[in-house]
Protein backbone atom coordinates (compact mmCIF):
# COMPACT_ATOMS: atom_id res chain seq x y z
CA MET A 1 -5.82 15.91 8.66
CA VAL A 2 -8.91 14.06 7.06
CA GLU A 3 -7.66 14.05 2.75
CA SER A 4 -10.44 14.71 0.47
CA LYS A 5 -11.86 13.50 -1.94
CA GLY A 6 -10.04 14.36 -5.16
CA VAL A 7 -6.66 13.42 -2.71
CA LEU A 8 -8.51 10.11 -1.99
CA MET A 9 -9.02 10.15 -6.49
CA ASP A 10 -5.78 10.45 -6.88
CA LEU A 11 -4.52 8.32 -4.62
CA ALA A 12 -5.84 5.39 -5.87
CA LYS A 13 -4.83 5.55 -9.27
CA LYS A 14 -2.04 5.59 -8.21
CA MET A 15 -2.10 3.16 -5.64
CA PHE A 16 -4.83 0.65 -8.30
CA ASP A 17 -2.33 2.01 -11.26
CA PRO A 18 0.70 2.75 -11.11
CA VAL A 19 2.52 4.18 -13.47
CA LYS A 20 6.66 3.46 -14.34
CA LYS A 21 6.28 2.87 -10.74
CA ASN A 22 8.57 -0.56 -9.59
CA PRO A 23 6.56 -3.67 -8.57
CA TYR A 24 7.53 -5.06 -5.45
CA TYR A 25 8.91 -8.76 -5.00
CA LEU A 26 8.25 -10.98 -2.67
CA GLY A 27 10.37 -14.17 -3.94
CA GLU A 28 9.55 -14.30 -7.45
CA ARG A 29 5.99 -13.41 -7.21
CA ALA A 30 5.99 -9.56 -8.30
CA ILE A 31 3.27 -6.92 -6.04
CA ARG A 32 2.42 -4.19 -8.59
CA ASN A 33 -0.32 -2.38 -7.24
CA LEU A 34 -2.26 -2.18 -4.32
CA ARG A 35 -5.32 -5.05 -4.81
CA GLU A 36 -2.22 -7.27 -5.65
CA LEU A 37 -0.56 -6.87 -2.22
CA ARG A 38 -3.40 -7.21 -0.12
CA GLN A 39 -4.05 -10.63 -2.05
CA ASN A 40 -1.33 -11.57 -1.13
CA LEU A 41 -0.82 -10.28 2.08
CA ASP A 42 -0.97 -13.97 3.80
CA LEU A 43 2.21 -14.15 2.62
CA PHE A 44 4.02 -11.43 4.38
CA THR A 45 5.58 -11.40 7.59
CA GLU A 46 6.62 -8.64 9.67
CA LYS A 47 10.20 -8.96 8.90
CA GLU A 48 9.40 -7.30 5.50
CA ALA A 49 6.79 -4.72 6.52
CA ILE A 50 8.91 -1.48 6.42
CA TRP A 51 9.48 -2.69 2.83
CA VAL A 52 5.78 -2.56 2.42
CA ALA A 53 6.38 0.67 3.70
CA ASP A 54 8.95 2.03 1.68
CA TRP A 55 7.55 0.68 -1.23
CA LEU A 56 4.07 2.11 -1.05
CA GLU A 57 5.45 5.40 -0.22
CA TYR A 58 7.83 4.65 -3.33
CA LEU A 59 4.08 3.93 -4.77
CA GLY A 60 2.49 8.01 -4.00
CA ASP A 61 0.82 6.54 -0.25
CA PRO A 62 3.21 7.89 2.35
CA LYS A 63 0.18 9.00 4.53
CA THR A 64 0.17 4.83 4.78
CA ALA A 65 3.59 4.68 4.88
CA GLN A 66 4.29 6.35 8.05
CA LYS A 67 1.44 4.29 9.60
CA ILE A 68 3.39 1.19 9.58
CA ARG A 69 6.34 2.26 9.95
CA GLU A 70 5.44 3.63 13.56
CA LYS A 71 3.20 0.37 14.08
CA ARG A 72 5.60 -2.19 11.82
CA GLY A 73 3.50 -5.43 13.69
CA ASP A 74 -0.60 -4.00 12.36
CA PHE A 75 0.97 -3.32 8.94
CA LYS A 76 -1.47 -6.17 7.48
CA ALA A 77 -4.60 -4.34 8.88
CA ILE A 78 -2.83 -0.91 8.17
CA VAL A 79 -2.79 -2.10 5.06
CA ILE A 80 -6.36 -3.87 5.35
CA ASN A 81 -8.08 -0.04 5.96
CA ARG A 82 -5.65 1.36 3.51
CA TYR A 83 -7.58 -0.58 0.38
CA ALA A 84 -11.02 -0.68 2.04
CA GLU A 85 -10.86 3.04 1.88
CA LEU A 86 -9.43 4.06 -1.36
CA TRP A 87 -11.17 1.15 -3.09
CA HIS A 88 -14.26 3.26 -2.81
CA TYR A 89 -12.19 6.27 -5.39
CA ARG A 90 -10.16 3.68 -8.07
């Protein structure tokens, strides 16, 4: 199912500027939004893929979370693709 422009705009807002949402902590590094996740993606291993999926769902993106859960080994590419898709709607 293709997401409408309005849905993508709302989702981009949630993902790039989350309000009252806790950051994801990788060690002592706080990842607060999709931009910071993308910038620090090289620090994550496949072991953190499910945690990343859970956090993205918590921010409001269950579609991406489900894709990561289905293909853990591809989680970095999935995040990069979603970032690129949503960047245009922020």
